[in-house]
Amino acid sequence: MGRFAVVVGRVTCYIEKVEEHVSKEQEKDVTLEKMEEHAVEESEQSAAQDTVVAVEEMLAAAQKEIAGYQDKMLRAAAEFDNYKKRMERDRNTAMKYAGEHILREILPVVDNLERALSQGAVPGVDAETNLAALLEGVQLTLKSLLAVLEKFEVKAIESVGLPFDPNIQEALVMEPSDVVPASHVVSEFEKGYSYKDRLLRVAKVIVSSGKAAS
C-alpha cells in the first residue's frame, strides 16, 4: 500500500511536470504567434506607408504637370487674344483706307482736268482754238478715267441698238424710230456699269416704240 502511494505520487509529479512543460510550450507558441502577427502588421504598415508615399509623389507630379498645362493654356489664351486684337486693328485699318489705292489712281485724272481747263482759256487765242483745246483735254481725261475704271474691273454695259433688258436698264421714255426696232434701245441718257460680275448701276435709256405711224 505504501509502495503504491509512492508510485502514484511519482506519477502525479511527472504529470504535473509534463503539464507545466506543455503549458510553457503553449506559452512559447502563443508568444511566437504574436510575434509573427506583429511582424506581419509591421510589414503591412510599412507597405501601406510606402504606398502612401508613392501615391503622394504621383499626386505631386500630376499637380506639377497640371500646373504646367494651365500655364500653357493661359499663354495660349493670351496669345490668341492678342492675335484677335491685332486682326481687328488690321481689319479696321484696311476698311478705313480701303479706297486709298483707287483714289491714288484717280488723282492723275484730276490733273488732266486741271490742265484741260487751263488750256481752254489761253489769253490771246481765239475762242474756237481754246474750245478745241478744251475738248481735246476733256477727251483725254475721259479716256484716262475709263482706263482707271477698267483697271478696277468697272466696265460700261453696251445698250444702244440692243433689246431692252429691265434687269440692267431703266426706260425713261419710248419714242418712235425708223432705224431701231421696237423694244430696242435708241440712245442712252446714262450709261450702265458693271463691277466684276455684279451690276454697279443700271443704264437709263430711251426705248424704241417702232416705226412712227404714217
C-alpha atoms as a PDB file:
ATOM      1  CA  MET A   1       0.000   0.000   0.000  1.00  0.00           C
ATOM      2  CA  GLY A   2       2.765   2.406   0.931  1.00  0.00           C
ATOM      3  CA  ARG A   3       4.700   1.490  -2.189  1.00  0.00           C
ATOM      4  CA  PHE A   4       1.647   2.149  -4.357  1.00  0.00           C
ATOM      5  CA  ALA A   5       1.250   5.565  -2.841  1.00  0.00           C
ATOM      6  CA  VAL A   6       4.856   6.337  -3.650  1.00  0.00           C
ATOM      7  CA  VAL A   7       4.337   5.290  -7.266  1.00  0.00           C
ATOM      8  CA  VAL A   8       1.175   7.356  -7.529  1.00  0.00           C
ATOM      9  CA  GLY A   9       2.991  10.321  -6.108  1.00  0.00           C
ATOM     10  CA  ARG A  10       5.795   9.980  -8.624  1.00  0.00           C
ATOM     11  CA  VAL A  11       3.331   9.626 -11.463  1.00  0.00           C
ATOM     12  CA  THR A  12       1.424  12.655 -10.273  1.00  0.00           C
ATOM     13  CA  CYS A  13       4.626  14.659 -10.043  1.00  0.00           C
ATOM     14  CA  TYR A  14       5.633  13.557 -13.518  1.00  0.00           C
ATOM     15  CA  ILE A  15       2.242  14.506 -14.900  1.00  0.00           C
ATOM     16  CA  GLU A  16       2.480  17.913 -13.271  1.00  0.00           C
ATOM     17  CA  LYS A  17       5.921  18.430 -14.786  1.00  0.00           C
ATOM     18  CA  VAL A  18       4.622  17.352 -18.178  1.00  0.00           C
ATOM     19  CA  GLU A  19       1.658  19.689 -17.859  1.00  0.00           C
ATOM     20  CA  GLU A  20       3.985  22.505 -16.817  1.00  0.00           C
ATOM     21  CA  HIS A  21       6.215  21.799 -19.798  1.00  0.00           C
ATOM     22  CA  VAL A  22       3.224  21.697 -22.121  1.00  0.00           C
ATOM     23  CA  SER A  23       1.950  24.955 -20.647  1.00  0.00           C
ATOM     24  CA  LYS A  24       5.313  26.608 -21.203  1.00  0.00           C
ATOM     25  CA  GLU A  25       5.467  25.304 -24.756  1.00  0.00           C
ATOM     26  CA  GLN A  26       1.969  26.624 -25.378  1.00  0.00           C
ATOM     27  CA  GLU A  27       3.006  29.990 -23.982  1.00  0.00           C
ATOM     28  CA  LYS A  28       6.019  29.947 -26.311  1.00  0.00           C
ATOM     29  CA  ASP A  29       3.744  29.130 -29.259  1.00  0.00           C
ATOM     30  CA  VAL A  30       1.396  31.947 -28.313  1.00  0.00           C
ATOM     31  CA  THR A  31       4.289  34.370 -27.955  1.00  0.00           C
ATOM     32  CA  LEU A  32       5.775  33.258 -31.279  1.00  0.00           C
ATOM     33  CA  GLU A  33       2.393  33.616 -32.952  1.00  0.00           C
ATOM     34  CA  LYS A  34       2.010  37.095 -31.512  1.00  0.00           C
ATOM     35  CA  MET A  35       5.487  37.996 -32.714  1.00  0.00           C
ATOM     36  CA  GLU A  36       4.653  36.724 -36.178  1.00  0.00           C
ATOM     37  CA  GLU A  37       1.381  38.662 -36.169  1.00  0.00           C
ATOM     38  CA  HIS A  38       3.218  41.771 -35.023  1.00  0.00           C
ATOM     39  CA  ALA A  39       5.816  41.300 -37.748  1.00  0.00           C
ATOM     40  CA  VAL A  40       3.056  40.908 -40.312  1.00  0.00           C
ATOM     41  CA  GLU A  41       1.340  44.046 -39.012  1.00  0.00           C
ATOM     42  CA  GLU A  42       4.601  45.990 -39.156  1.00  0.00           C
ATOM     43  CA  SER A  43       5.226  44.718 -42.678  1.00  0.00           C
ATOM     44  CA  GLU A  44       1.725  45.696 -43.728  1.00  0.00           C
ATOM     45  CA  GLN A  45       2.094  49.127 -42.117  1.00  0.00           C
ATOM     46  CA  SER A  46       5.435  49.620 -43.861  1.00  0.00           C
ATOM     47  CA  ALA A  47       3.936  48.589 -47.197  1.00  0.00           C
ATOM     48  CA  ALA A  48       0.990  50.918 -46.605  1.00  0.00           C
ATOM     49  CA  GLN A  49       3.348  53.775 -45.775  1.00  0.00           C
ATOM     50  CA  ASP A  50       5.361  53.049 -48.928  1.00  0.00           C
ATOM     51  CA  THR A  51       2.130  53.078 -50.924  1.00  0.00           C
ATOM     52  CA  VAL A  52       1.076  56.393 -49.376  1.00  0.00           C
ATOM     53  CA  VAL A  53       4.469  57.910 -50.181  1.00  0.00           C
ATOM     54  CA  ALA A  54       4.283  56.635 -53.765  1.00  0.00           C
ATOM     55  CA  VAL A  55       0.743  57.988 -54.174  1.00  0.00           C
ATOM     56  CA  GLU A  56       1.785  61.358 -52.725  1.00  0.00           C
ATOM     57  CA  GLU A  57       4.723  61.511 -55.145  1.00  0.00           C
ATOM     58  CA  MET A  58       2.448  60.644 -58.073  1.00  0.00           C
ATOM     59  CA  LEU A  59      -0.074  63.257 -56.919  1.00  0.00           C
ATOM     60  CA  ALA A  60       2.648  65.906 -56.640  1.00  0.00           C
ATOM     61  CA  ALA A  61       3.911  65.033 -60.133  1.00  0.00           C
ATOM     62  CA  ALA A  62       0.369  65.182 -61.523  1.00  0.00           C
ATOM     63  CA  GLN A  63      -0.256  68.559 -59.859  1.00  0.00           C
ATOM     64  CA  LYS A  64       3.000  69.869 -61.308  1.00  0.00           C
ATOM     65  CA  GLU A  65       2.027  68.627 -64.762  1.00  0.00           C
ATOM     66  CA  ILE A  66      -1.446  70.181 -64.425  1.00  0.00           C
ATOM     67  CA  ALA A  67       0.133  73.482 -63.386  1.00  0.00           C
ATOM     68  CA  GLY A  68       2.330  73.304 -66.490  1.00  0.00           C
ATOM     69  CA  TYR A  69      -0.698  72.712 -68.720  1.00  0.00           C
ATOM     70  CA  GLN A  70      -2.571  75.574 -67.047  1.00  0.00           C
ATOM     71  CA  ASP A  71       0.367  77.890 -67.679  1.00  0.00           C
ATOM     72  CA  LYS A  72       0.500  76.827 -71.332  1.00  0.00           C
ATOM     73  CA  MET A  73      -3.259  77.350 -71.670  1.00  0.00           C
ATOM     74  CA  LEU A  74      -3.022  80.832 -70.146  1.00  0.00           C
ATOM     75  CA  ARG A  75      -0.166  81.713 -72.504  1.00  0.00           C
ATOM     76  CA  ALA A  76      -2.087  80.355 -75.498  1.00  0.00           C
ATOM     77  CA  ALA A  77      -5.210  82.277 -74.459  1.00  0.00           C
ATOM     78  CA  ALA A  78      -3.205  85.490 -74.101  1.00  0.00           C
ATOM     79  CA  GLU A  79      -1.537  84.974 -77.494  1.00  0.00           C
ATOM     80  CA  PHE A  80      -4.904  84.262 -79.136  1.00  0.00           C
ATOM     81  CA  ASP A  81      -6.408  87.377 -77.543  1.00  0.00           C
ATOM     82  CA  ASN A  82      -3.502  89.463 -78.846  1.00  0.00           C
ATOM     83  CA  TYR A  83      -3.943  87.858 -82.275  1.00  0.00           C
ATOM     84  CA  LYS A  84      -7.658  88.771 -82.328  1.00  0.00           C
ATOM     85  CA  LYS A  85      -6.881  92.350 -81.307  1.00  0.00           C
ATOM     86  CA  ARG A  86      -4.190  92.617 -83.986  1.00  0.00           C
ATOM     87  CA  MET A  87      -6.522  91.199 -86.650  1.00  0.00           C
ATOM     88  CA  GLU A  88      -9.308  93.573 -85.588  1.00  0.00           C
ATOM     89  CA  ARG A  89      -6.898  96.508 -85.724  1.00  0.00           C
ATOM     90  CA  ASP A  90      -5.650  95.472 -89.171  1.00  0.00           C
ATOM     91  CA  ARG A  91      -9.226  94.988 -90.391  1.00  0.00           C
ATOM     92  CA  ASN A  92     -10.265  98.434 -89.155  1.00  0.00           C
ATOM     93  CA  THR A  93      -7.218  99.984 -90.802  1.00  0.00           C
ATOM     94  CA  ALA A  94      -7.934  98.164 -94.067  1.00  0.00           C
ATOM     95  CA  MET A  95     -11.565  99.320 -94.020  1.00  0.00           C
ATOM     96  CA  LYS A  96     -10.582 102.883 -93.149  1.00  0.00           C
ATOM     97  CA  TYR A  97      -8.154 103.153 -96.064  1.00  0.00           C
ATOM     98  CA  ALA A  98      -9.867 100.712 -98.442  1.00  0.00           C
ATOM     99  CA  GLY A  99     -10.275 103.309-101.182  1.00  0.00           C
ATOM    100  CA  GLU A 100      -6.754 104.702-100.924  1.00  0.00           C
ATOM    101  CA  HIS A 101      -5.339 102.886-103.960  1.00  0.00           C
ATOM    102  CA  ILE A 102      -8.397 103.798-106.056  1.00  0.00           C
ATOM    103  CA  LEU A 103      -8.127 107.464-105.126  1.00  0.00           C
ATOM    104  CA  ARG A 104      -4.432 107.421-105.965  1.00  0.00           C
ATOM    105  CA  GLU A 105      -5.311 106.172-109.450  1.00  0.00           C
ATOM    106  CA  ILE A 106      -7.933 108.922-109.884  1.00  0.00           C
ATOM    107  CA  LEU A 107      -5.589 111.789-108.976  1.00  0.00           C
ATOM    108  CA  PRO A 108      -3.969 111.845-112.460  1.00  0.00           C
ATOM    109  CA  VAL A 109      -7.481 112.308-113.896  1.00  0.00           C
ATOM    110  CA  VAL A 110      -7.880 115.416-111.739  1.00  0.00           C
ATOM    111  CA  ASP A 111      -4.512 116.636-113.020  1.00  0.00           C
ATOM    112  CA  ASN A 112      -5.671 116.167-116.620  1.00  0.00           C
ATOM    113  CA  LEU A 113      -8.892 118.080-115.972  1.00  0.00           C
ATOM    114  CA  GLU A 114      -6.963 120.959-114.446  1.00  0.00           C
ATOM    115  CA  ARG A 115      -4.608 121.041-117.434  1.00  0.00           C
ATOM    116  CA  ALA A 116      -7.567 120.896-119.842  1.00  0.00           C
ATOM    117  CA  LEU A 117      -9.229 123.845-118.116  1.00  0.00           C
ATOM    118  CA  SER A 118      -6.014 125.859-118.146  1.00  0.00           C
ATOM    119  CA  GLN A 119      -5.520 125.185-121.872  1.00  0.00           C
ATOM    120  CA  GLY A 120      -9.140 126.064-122.621  1.00  0.00           C
ATOM    121  CA  ALA A 121      -8.656 129.718-121.707  1.00  0.00           C
ATOM    122  CA  VAL A 122      -5.327 130.854-123.152  1.00  0.00           C
ATOM    123  CA  PRO A 123      -5.102 134.679-123.422  1.00  0.00           C
ATOM    124  CA  GLY A 124      -4.641 135.980-126.949  1.00  0.00           C
ATOM    125  CA  VAL A 125      -6.040 132.837-128.557  1.00  0.00           C
ATOM    126  CA  ASP A 126      -9.393 132.845-130.316  1.00  0.00           C
ATOM    127  CA  ALA A 127     -12.354 131.114-128.662  1.00  0.00           C
ATOM    128  CA  GLU A 128     -12.571 128.369-131.272  1.00  0.00           C
ATOM    129  CA  THR A 129      -8.972 127.310-130.676  1.00  0.00           C
ATOM    130  CA  ASN A 130      -9.495 127.452-126.909  1.00  0.00           C
ATOM    131  CA  LEU A 131     -12.634 125.333-127.233  1.00  0.00           C
ATOM    132  CA  ALA A 132     -10.877 122.771-129.401  1.00  0.00           C
ATOM    133  CA  ALA A 133      -8.037 122.513-126.882  1.00  0.00           C
ATOM    134  CA  LEU A 134     -10.549 122.168-124.056  1.00  0.00           C
ATOM    135  CA  LEU A 135     -12.455 119.415-125.846  1.00  0.00           C
ATOM    136  CA  GLU A 136      -9.261 117.556-126.607  1.00  0.00           C
ATOM    137  CA  GLY A 137      -8.200 117.799-122.962  1.00  0.00           C
ATOM    138  CA  VAL A 138     -11.577 116.559-121.740  1.00  0.00           C
ATOM    139  CA  GLN A 139     -11.479 113.654-124.177  1.00  0.00           C
ATOM    140  CA  LEU A 140      -8.035 112.650-122.944  1.00  0.00           C
ATOM    141  CA  THR A 141      -9.232 112.947-119.353  1.00  0.00           C
ATOM    142  CA  LEU A 142     -12.269 110.770-120.052  1.00  0.00           C
ATOM    143  CA  LYS A 143     -10.050 108.212-121.724  1.00  0.00           C
ATOM    144  CA  SER A 144      -7.704 108.074-118.736  1.00  0.00           C
ATOM    145  CA  LEU A 145     -10.642 107.838-116.310  1.00  0.00           C
ATOM    146  CA  LEU A 146     -12.171 104.950-118.245  1.00  0.00           C
ATOM    147  CA  ALA A 147      -8.784 103.235-118.180  1.00  0.00           C
ATOM    148  CA  VAL A 148      -8.697 103.583-114.390  1.00  0.00           C
ATOM    149  CA  LEU A 149     -12.211 102.154-114.096  1.00  0.00           C
ATOM    150  CA  GLU A 150     -11.333  99.247-116.350  1.00  0.00           C
ATOM    151  CA  LYS A 151      -8.244  98.582-114.250  1.00  0.00           C
ATOM    152  CA  PHE A 152     -10.539  98.019-111.292  1.00  0.00           C
ATOM    153  CA  GLU A 153     -12.874  95.866-113.428  1.00  0.00           C
ATOM    154  CA  VAL A 154     -15.544  98.556-113.797  1.00  0.00           C
ATOM    155  CA  LYS A 155     -16.892  98.342-117.340  1.00  0.00           C
ATOM    156  CA  ALA A 156     -19.607 100.123-119.308  1.00  0.00           C
ATOM    157  CA  ILE A 157     -22.593  97.991-120.353  1.00  0.00           C
ATOM    158  CA  GLU A 158     -23.450  98.252-124.039  1.00  0.00           C
ATOM    159  CA  SER A 159     -27.087  99.189-124.624  1.00  0.00           C
ATOM    160  CA  VAL A 160     -27.651 101.154-127.849  1.00  0.00           C
ATOM    161  CA  GLY A 161     -29.225  99.058-130.604  1.00  0.00           C
ATOM    162  CA  LEU A 162     -29.708  96.068-128.297  1.00  0.00           C
ATOM    163  CA  PRO A 163     -33.008  94.690-126.955  1.00  0.00           C
ATOM    164  CA  PHE A 164     -34.253  96.440-123.819  1.00  0.00           C
ATOM    165  CA  ASP A 165     -33.406  94.466-120.669  1.00  0.00           C
ATOM    166  CA  PRO A 166     -35.194  95.620-117.485  1.00  0.00           C
ATOM    167  CA  ASN A 167     -32.620  93.775-115.385  1.00  0.00           C
ATOM    168  CA  ILE A 168     -29.838  96.145-116.377  1.00  0.00           C
ATOM    169  CA  GLN A 169     -31.702  99.095-117.902  1.00  0.00           C
ATOM    170  CA  GLU A 170     -34.273 101.670-116.880  1.00  0.00           C
ATOM    171  CA  ALA A 171     -36.531 103.030-119.622  1.00  0.00           C
ATOM    172  CA  LEU A 172     -37.022 106.779-119.319  1.00  0.00           C
ATOM    173  CA  VAL A 173     -39.273 107.219-122.359  1.00  0.00           C
ATOM    174  CA  MET A 174     -40.304 105.425-125.530  1.00  0.00           C
ATOM    175  CA  GLU A 175     -40.111 107.108-128.890  1.00  0.00           C
ATOM    176  CA  PRO A 176     -40.687 106.009-132.472  1.00  0.00           C
ATOM    177  CA  SER A 177     -37.701 105.144-134.635  1.00  0.00           C
ATOM    178  CA  ASP A 178     -37.421 104.210-138.284  1.00  0.00           C
ATOM    179  CA  VAL A 179     -33.994 102.691-137.678  1.00  0.00           C
ATOM    180  CA  VAL A 180     -34.124 100.960-134.303  1.00  0.00           C
ATOM    181  CA  PRO A 181     -36.636  98.078-133.952  1.00  0.00           C
ATOM    182  CA  ALA A 182     -39.350  98.232-131.337  1.00  0.00           C
ATOM    183  CA  SER A 183     -38.307  97.380-127.748  1.00  0.00           C
ATOM    184  CA  HIS A 184     -34.691  98.136-128.593  1.00  0.00           C
ATOM    185  CA  VAL A 185     -32.566 100.903-127.062  1.00  0.00           C
ATOM    186  CA  VAL A 186     -32.395 104.057-129.173  1.00  0.00           C
ATOM    187  CA  SER A 187     -29.954 106.018-127.015  1.00  0.00           C
ATOM    188  CA  GLU A 188     -28.513 106.294-123.523  1.00  0.00           C
ATOM    189  CA  PHE A 189     -29.094 109.102-121.051  1.00  0.00           C
ATOM    190  CA  GLU A 190     -26.722 107.488-118.573  1.00  0.00           C
ATOM    191  CA  LYS A 191     -24.504 104.504-119.222  1.00  0.00           C
ATOM    192  CA  GLY A 192     -24.833 101.385-117.104  1.00  0.00           C
ATOM    193  CA  TYR A 193     -21.767  99.898-115.428  1.00  0.00           C
ATOM    194  CA  SER A 194     -20.784  96.523-114.021  1.00  0.00           C
ATOM    195  CA  TYR A 195     -18.221  95.824-111.326  1.00  0.00           C
ATOM    196  CA  LYS A 196     -16.589  92.424-111.819  1.00  0.00           C
ATOM    197  CA  ASP A 197     -19.600  90.086-112.058  1.00  0.00           C
ATOM    198  CA  ARG A 198     -22.116  92.433-110.386  1.00  0.00           C
ATOM    199  CA  LEU A 199     -24.303  95.244-111.684  1.00  0.00           C
ATOM    200  CA  LEU A 200     -22.944  98.549-110.413  1.00  0.00           C
ATOM    201  CA  ARG A 201     -25.504 100.873-111.992  1.00  0.00           C
ATOM    202  CA  VAL A 202     -28.410 100.410-114.409  1.00  0.00           C
ATOM    203  CA  ALA A 203     -28.399 102.311-117.676  1.00  0.00           C
ATOM    204  CA  LYS A 204     -31.048 104.991-118.199  1.00  0.00           C
ATOM    205  CA  VAL A 205     -32.182 104.635-121.777  1.00  0.00           C
ATOM    206  CA  ILE A 206     -34.683 105.697-124.408  1.00  0.00           C
ATOM    207  CA  VAL A 207     -36.511 102.741-125.950  1.00  0.00           C
ATOM    208  CA  SER A 208     -37.868 102.477-129.482  1.00  0.00           C
ATOM    209  CA  SER A 209     -41.598 102.022-129.890  1.00  0.00           C
ATOM    210  CA  GLY A 210     -41.115 101.054-133.539  1.00  0.00           C
ATOM    211  CA  LYS A 211     -41.764 102.995-136.721  1.00  0.00           C
ATOM    212  CA  ALA A 212     -43.989 106.018-136.433  1.00  0.00           C
ATOM    213  CA  ALA A 213     -47.487 105.656-137.795  1.00  0.00           C
ATOM    214  CA  SER A 214     -47.755 107.278-141.225  1.00  0.00           C
END
